[in-house]
């Protein structure tokens, strides 16, 4: 006999890793029958969540995110913490298939009992952050992990998404400067609470130090996200483990600063409100798509939009109005 959502929640709260994995699978399920069970599970565990530090990490493909996260995770675990890594893997736009290879890339970290690595396919989610990443964060926090790392697919719209669900956003960069510095989008850098130039080893070590100096100068001309925090720019070699202790020390300073001035609490509250309305929008969209009686009219309006005979805004308003009328009639 399978566990009820409440029983599964109790096992998760007791630190059962299998229960945690099953719980994440449940809340990620798209089956309508699992929705109520997932809601009951979340209601049970949410009061126990929220105590972890939430760290978002992003960077261009090839910057060494997985190597960096493994080095940082091992360093933090050695200091008595428990680390959960939520790695959002790229999905094929055609098949929906996902590589889900982060456990392979983080071999030493995945073998540690104090670590939990959960790859999730990004699917069609905007910005490369899985829709249920936020729920998964609550689950791993309730299971006792006190550092949650969210790794995004890469540089792009994912920065806004991950910065809106974590406490600290870390931007990982490759060695380079000059023209390469000009190529980094200002909006991406402005989101960063900590900038780290990776691969400061071998022939690239000098280039990494020069790049870090260039970024420090550039950041002086940008408006800081937090008035009490000057964004540090550090260099490290995740491959060799050098500079990782300095990165963790900067993360701890940020946490202490944002906790002391109340900014962390205010940001969490704003994120919770945003999450609520994101879920409302997703649920309403699912209801619209599930209304069989509306599909024919919606398809006709869609054809009008594609042909250029109707505005998307007007067509959308007509679809919503018809949906509301149908709900009123059925009620």
Protein backbone atom coordinates (compact mmCIF):
# COMPACT_ATOMS: atom_id res chain seq x y z
CA UNK A 1 0.00 0.00 0.00
CA UNK A 2 1.43 3.40 -0.98
CA UNK A 3 1.81 6.20 1.54
CA UNK A 4 -0.78 8.95 1.85
CA UNK A 5 0.51 12.48 1.16
CA UNK A 6 0.57 13.09 4.90
CA UNK A 7 2.60 9.92 5.56
CA UNK A 8 5.00 10.81 2.75
CA UNK A 9 5.38 14.28 4.23
CA UNK A 10 6.17 12.90 7.68
CA UNK A 11 8.88 10.64 6.24
CA UNK A 12 10.34 13.58 4.31
CA UNK A 13 10.38 15.72 7.46
CA UNK A 14 12.27 12.90 9.21
CA UNK A 15 14.98 13.13 6.53
CA UNK A 16 14.05 10.10 4.42
CA UNK A 17 15.79 10.66 1.06
CA UNK A 18 13.56 8.21 -0.80
CA UNK A 19 10.51 10.02 0.51
CA UNK A 20 12.02 13.32 -0.68
CA UNK A 21 12.59 11.94 -4.18
CA UNK A 22 9.04 10.54 -4.31
CA UNK A 23 7.62 13.84 -3.05
CA UNK A 24 9.39 15.80 -5.79
CA UNK A 25 8.13 13.35 -8.41
CA UNK A 26 4.61 13.84 -7.07
CA UNK A 27 4.63 17.64 -7.25
CA UNK A 28 6.24 17.55 -10.71
CA UNK A 29 3.52 15.23 -12.02
CA UNK A 30 1.19 16.65 -14.67
CA UNK A 31 -1.52 14.09 -13.88
CA UNK A 32 -4.70 15.79 -12.60
CA UNK A 33 -5.13 13.00 -10.04
CA UNK A 34 -1.79 13.90 -8.44
CA UNK A 35 -2.60 17.59 -8.06
CA UNK A 36 -4.64 17.24 -4.86
CA UNK A 37 -2.13 14.84 -3.32
CA UNK A 38 0.70 17.24 -4.13
CA UNK A 39 -1.21 20.14 -2.57
CA UNK A 40 -1.82 18.14 0.63
CA UNK A 41 1.86 17.26 0.78
CA UNK A 42 2.96 20.87 0.37
CA UNK A 43 0.53 22.08 3.02
CA UNK A 44 2.07 19.62 5.47
CA UNK A 45 5.73 20.48 4.86
CA UNK A 46 5.68 24.23 4.07
CA UNK A 47 5.79 25.38 7.73
CA UNK A 48 9.09 23.48 8.13
CA UNK A 49 10.67 25.13 5.06
CA UNK A 50 12.20 28.55 4.57
CA UNK A 51 15.27 28.23 6.79
CA UNK A 52 17.82 27.52 4.04
CA UNK A 53 19.93 29.96 2.06
CA UNK A 54 18.77 29.94 -1.56
CA UNK A 55 21.57 30.47 -4.06
CA UNK A 56 20.98 30.94 -7.78
CA UNK A 57 23.88 30.30 -10.15
CA UNK A 58 24.00 31.06 -13.86
CA UNK A 59 26.54 31.52 -16.61
CA UNK A 60 27.11 30.80 -20.26
CA UNK A 61 27.53 27.16 -21.39
CA UNK A 62 31.15 26.13 -20.93
CA UNK A 63 31.79 28.39 -17.95
CA UNK A 64 32.05 25.34 -15.68
CA UNK A 65 28.86 25.65 -13.62
CA UNK A 66 28.72 21.98 -12.65
CA UNK A 67 32.40 21.86 -11.69
CA UNK A 68 31.98 25.07 -9.68
CA UNK A 69 28.85 23.82 -7.89
CA UNK A 70 30.54 20.53 -7.03
CA UNK A 71 33.58 22.34 -5.59
CA UNK A 72 31.40 24.78 -3.64
CA UNK A 73 29.08 22.00 -2.44
CA UNK A 74 31.94 19.87 -1.13
CA UNK A 75 33.49 22.90 0.58
CA UNK A 76 30.22 23.81 2.31
CA UNK A 77 29.51 20.22 3.38
CA UNK A 78 32.97 20.02 4.93
CA UNK A 79 31.85 22.92 7.14
CA UNK A 80 28.82 21.10 8.47
CA UNK A 81 26.10 22.07 6.01
CA UNK A 82 23.73 20.00 3.88
CA UNK A 83 23.43 20.97 0.22
CA UNK A 84 20.63 20.43 -2.29
CA UNK A 85 21.31 21.14 -5.97
CA UNK A 86 18.34 21.71 -8.27
CA UNK A 87 19.81 21.59 -11.75
CA UNK A 88 17.44 22.58 -14.54
CA UNK A 89 18.53 20.64 -17.63
CA UNK A 90 17.93 21.75 -21.23
CA UNK A 91 15.03 20.02 -22.95
CA UNK A 92 14.60 19.31 -26.61
CA UNK A 93 12.06 21.61 -28.23
CA UNK A 94 11.06 18.74 -30.51
CA UNK A 95 10.94 15.66 -28.28
CA UNK A 96 10.87 17.23 -24.84
CA UNK A 97 13.73 14.93 -23.91
CA UNK A 98 16.32 16.07 -21.38
CA UNK A 99 19.94 15.10 -20.86
CA UNK A 100 19.65 15.11 -17.05
CA UNK A 101 23.37 14.58 -16.71
CA UNK A 102 24.28 16.66 -13.65
CA UNK A 103 24.66 13.68 -11.33
CA UNK A 104 27.25 12.35 -13.75
CA UNK A 105 29.03 15.71 -13.94
CA UNK A 106 29.01 16.10 -10.12
CA UNK A 107 30.30 12.63 -9.33
CA UNK A 108 32.05 13.28 -6.02
CA UNK A 109 29.28 15.54 -4.69
CA UNK A 110 26.55 13.06 -5.60
CA UNK A 111 28.23 10.38 -3.48
CA UNK A 112 28.03 12.43 -0.28
CA UNK A 113 25.11 11.71 2.05
CA UNK A 114 24.88 15.42 2.91
CA UNK A 115 24.13 16.28 -0.71
CA UNK A 116 20.99 15.84 -2.79
CA UNK A 117 21.09 16.50 -6.54
CA UNK A 118 17.86 16.67 -8.48
CA UNK A 119 17.96 17.38 -12.22
CA UNK A 120 14.71 18.54 -13.76
CA UNK A 121 13.90 19.10 -17.43
CA UNK A 122 13.29 22.75 -18.28
CA UNK A 123 10.66 21.80 -20.86
CA UNK A 124 8.95 24.83 -22.39
CA UNK A 125 9.23 26.92 -19.23
CA UNK A 126 10.33 30.49 -19.92
CA UNK A 127 13.90 31.13 -18.94
CA UNK A 128 14.99 27.55 -18.38
CA UNK A 129 13.67 27.27 -14.82
CA UNK A 130 11.28 24.39 -14.27
CA UNK A 131 7.82 25.47 -13.10
CA UNK A 132 8.03 23.33 -9.99
CA UNK A 133 11.52 24.47 -8.93
CA UNK A 134 10.02 26.63 -6.19
CA UNK A 135 7.98 23.75 -4.76
CA UNK A 136 11.06 21.54 -4.89
CA UNK A 137 12.99 24.16 -2.92
CA UNK A 138 10.37 23.94 -0.16
CA UNK A 139 10.62 20.15 -0.10
CA UNK A 140 14.40 19.98 0.21
CA UNK A 141 14.37 22.68 2.87
CA UNK A 142 11.76 20.78 4.86
CA UNK A 143 13.99 17.68 4.55
CA UNK A 144 16.80 19.52 6.33
CA UNK A 145 19.03 20.89 3.58
CA UNK A 146 20.26 24.35 4.60
CA UNK A 147 21.83 25.45 1.29
CA UNK A 148 19.75 25.17 -1.87
CA UNK A 149 21.54 25.83 -5.16
CA UNK A 150 19.47 26.45 -8.29
CA UNK A 151 21.51 26.03 -11.46
CA UNK A 152 19.94 27.50 -14.59
CA UNK A 153 20.34 26.37 -18.20
CA UNK A 154 22.45 29.38 -19.17
CA UNK A 155 22.54 33.10 -19.74
CA UNK A 156 19.29 34.55 -21.02
CA UNK A 157 15.86 35.14 -19.52
CA UNK A 158 16.61 32.61 -16.79
CA UNK A 159 18.45 35.27 -14.78
CA UNK A 160 15.26 37.16 -13.98
CA UNK A 161 13.47 33.94 -13.10
CA UNK A 162 16.14 32.57 -10.78
CA UNK A 163 16.85 35.95 -9.16
CA UNK A 164 13.14 36.11 -8.35
CA UNK A 165 13.16 32.87 -6.37
CA UNK A 166 16.53 32.90 -4.59
CA UNK A 167 18.26 34.98 -1.92
CA UNK A 168 21.54 35.52 -3.76
CA UNK A 169 22.21 35.45 -7.48
CA UNK A 170 25.76 34.47 -8.48
CA UNK A 171 26.93 35.15 -12.03
CA UNK A 172 29.74 32.88 -13.18
CA UNK A 173 31.92 34.26 -15.99
CA UNK A 174 34.75 33.10 -18.22
CA UNK A 175 38.16 34.80 -18.28
CA UNK A 176 38.23 37.71 -20.70
CA UNK A 177 37.98 41.47 -20.84
CA UNK A 178 37.91 44.41 -23.20
CA UNK A 179 35.53 43.58 -26.06
CA UNK A 180 34.24 40.52 -24.19
CA UNK A 181 33.31 42.74 -21.24
CA UNK A 182 31.28 44.96 -23.56
CA UNK A 183 29.41 41.86 -24.77
CA UNK A 184 27.97 41.08 -21.33
CA UNK A 185 24.46 42.46 -21.13
CA UNK A 186 24.12 45.21 -18.57
CA UNK A 187 20.83 43.81 -17.28
CA UNK A 188 22.42 40.46 -16.46
CA UNK A 189 25.28 42.03 -14.51
CA UNK A 190 22.86 44.28 -12.64
CA UNK A 191 21.04 41.21 -11.33
CA UNK A 192 24.18 39.75 -9.79
CA UNK A 193 24.84 39.89 -6.04
CA UNK A 194 28.19 38.19 -6.55
CA UNK A 195 30.34 37.90 -9.70
CA UNK A 196 32.89 35.09 -10.00
CA UNK A 197 35.37 34.60 -12.85
CA UNK A 198 36.01 30.86 -13.10
CA UNK A 199 38.88 28.92 -14.72
CA UNK A 200 41.60 31.02 -13.10
CA UNK A 201 44.18 28.29 -13.67
CA UNK A 202 46.95 27.37 -16.10
CA UNK A 203 47.32 29.71 -19.06
CA UNK A 204 44.02 31.42 -18.20
CA UNK A 205 44.97 32.47 -14.66
CA UNK A 206 46.35 35.88 -15.64
CA UNK A 207 43.43 36.52 -18.00
CA UNK A 208 40.97 35.67 -15.21
CA UNK A 209 42.59 38.16 -12.84
CA UNK A 210 42.51 40.87 -15.52
CA UNK A 211 38.84 40.10 -16.24
CA UNK A 212 37.96 40.34 -12.54
CA UNK A 213 39.65 43.75 -12.37
CA UNK A 214 37.74 44.90 -15.47
CA UNK A 215 34.42 43.80 -14.01
CA UNK A 216 35.14 45.58 -10.73
CA UNK A 217 35.67 48.82 -12.64
CA UNK A 218 32.54 48.30 -14.74
CA UNK A 219 30.34 47.61 -11.71
CA UNK A 220 31.15 51.04 -10.28
CA UNK A 221 29.00 52.58 -13.02
CA UNK A 222 25.96 50.36 -12.32
CA UNK A 223 23.25 51.01 -9.78
CA UNK A 224 23.53 48.39 -7.00
CA UNK A 225 20.57 46.11 -6.28
CA UNK A 226 21.04 46.65 -2.53
CA UNK A 227 22.27 49.94 -1.04
CA UNK A 228 24.10 48.13 1.79
CA UNK A 229 25.93 45.67 -0.48
CA UNK A 230 28.78 46.36 -2.87
CA UNK A 231 28.94 43.46 -5.34
CA UNK A 232 32.25 41.59 -4.97
CA UNK A 233 34.07 40.31 -8.05
CA UNK A 234 36.18 37.25 -7.31
CA UNK A 235 38.21 34.77 -9.32
CA UNK A 236 38.54 31.06 -8.70
CA UNK A 237 39.56 27.74 -10.17
CA UNK A 238 36.74 25.30 -9.54
CA UNK A 239 38.84 22.58 -11.15
CA UNK A 240 41.67 23.03 -8.66
CA UNK A 241 39.50 24.21 -5.75
CA UNK A 242 41.34 27.53 -5.39
CA UNK A 243 39.29 30.56 -4.42
CA UNK A 244 36.21 28.54 -3.43
CA UNK A 245 36.66 29.40 0.27
CA UNK A 246 36.65 33.11 -0.64
CA UNK A 247 33.44 32.67 -2.63
CA UNK A 248 31.72 30.96 0.31
CA UNK A 249 32.95 33.67 2.70
CA UNK A 250 31.41 36.32 0.42
CA UNK A 251 28.12 34.39 0.34
CA UNK A 252 28.07 34.26 4.15
CA UNK A 253 28.79 38.00 4.38
CA UNK A 254 25.91 38.69 2.01
CA UNK A 255 23.53 36.53 4.06
CA UNK A 256 24.54 38.24 7.30
CA UNK A 257 24.22 41.72 5.77
CA UNK A 258 20.80 41.10 4.20
CA UNK A 259 19.51 39.43 7.37
CA UNK A 260 20.69 42.27 9.61
CA UNK A 261 19.05 45.03 7.53
CA UNK A 262 15.81 43.09 6.99
CA UNK A 263 16.22 42.96 3.21
CA UNK A 264 16.22 39.16 3.11
CA UNK A 265 12.86 38.94 4.88
CA UNK A 266 11.33 41.63 2.66
CA UNK A 267 12.61 39.94 -0.51
CA UNK A 268 11.20 36.57 0.58
CA UNK A 269 7.79 38.18 1.18
CA UNK A 270 7.80 39.81 -2.27
CA UNK A 271 8.82 36.51 -3.87
CA UNK A 272 5.97 34.69 -2.11
CA UNK A 273 3.43 37.20 -3.44
CA UNK A 274 4.84 36.92 -6.95
CA UNK A 275 4.77 33.12 -6.73
CA UNK A 276 1.11 33.20 -5.69
CA UNK A 277 0.04 35.18 -8.75
CA UNK A 278 2.27 33.16 -11.07
CA UNK A 279 0.43 30.06 -9.89
CA UNK A 280 -2.96 31.75 -10.35
CA UNK A 281 -2.02 32.57 -13.96
CA UNK A 282 -0.79 29.00 -14.63
CA UNK A 283 -3.90 27.44 -13.12
CA UNK A 284 -6.25 29.69 -15.09
CA UNK A 285 -4.40 28.87 -18.30
CA UNK A 286 -4.73 25.14 -17.58
CA UNK A 287 -8.46 25.56 -16.97
CA UNK A 288 -8.84 27.43 -20.25
CA UNK A 289 -7.01 24.75 -22.20
CA UNK A 290 -8.95 21.97 -20.51
CA UNK A 291 -12.35 23.44 -21.47
CA UNK A 292 -13.40 21.21 -24.38
CA UNK A 293 -16.31 23.46 -25.33
CA UNK A 294 -14.01 26.43 -25.71
CA UNK A 295 -11.43 24.75 -27.94
CA UNK A 296 -13.27 25.15 -31.24
CA UNK A 297 -13.89 28.86 -30.76
CA UNK A 298 -10.32 29.39 -29.48
CA UNK A 299 -8.94 27.57 -32.54
CA UNK A 300 -10.98 29.83 -34.83
CA UNK A 301 -9.74 32.96 -33.07
CA UNK A 302 -6.19 31.64 -33.23
CA UNK A 303 -6.55 31.22 -36.99
CA UNK A 304 -7.79 34.81 -37.24
CA UNK A 305 -4.72 36.03 -35.36
CA UNK A 306 -2.31 33.95 -37.48
CA UNK A 307 -3.91 35.33 -40.65
CA UNK A 308 -3.53 38.88 -39.38
CA UNK A 309 -7.27 39.54 -39.33
CA UNK A 310 -7.47 39.96 -35.56
CA UNK A 311 -5.29 41.40 -32.83
CA UNK A 312 -3.88 38.88 -30.30
CA UNK A 313 -5.03 41.19 -27.51
CA UNK A 314 -8.63 41.32 -28.78
CA UNK A 315 -8.75 37.58 -29.47
CA UNK A 316 -7.38 36.79 -26.00
CA UNK A 317 -10.04 38.99 -24.40
CA UNK A 318 -12.76 37.19 -26.34
CA UNK A 319 -11.45 33.78 -25.24
CA UNK A 320 -11.37 34.86 -21.59
CA UNK A 321 -14.84 36.40 -21.78
CA UNK A 322 -16.31 33.27 -23.32
CA UNK A 323 -14.64 31.14 -20.66
CA UNK A 324 -16.09 33.30 -17.88
CA UNK A 325 -19.56 33.15 -19.47
CA UNK A 326 -19.36 29.37 -19.71
CA UNK A 327 -18.29 29.15 -16.07
CA UNK A 328 -21.20 31.36 -15.04
CA UNK A 329 -23.69 29.28 -17.02
CA UNK A 330 -22.39 26.00 -15.61
CA UNK A 331 -22.46 27.37 -12.08
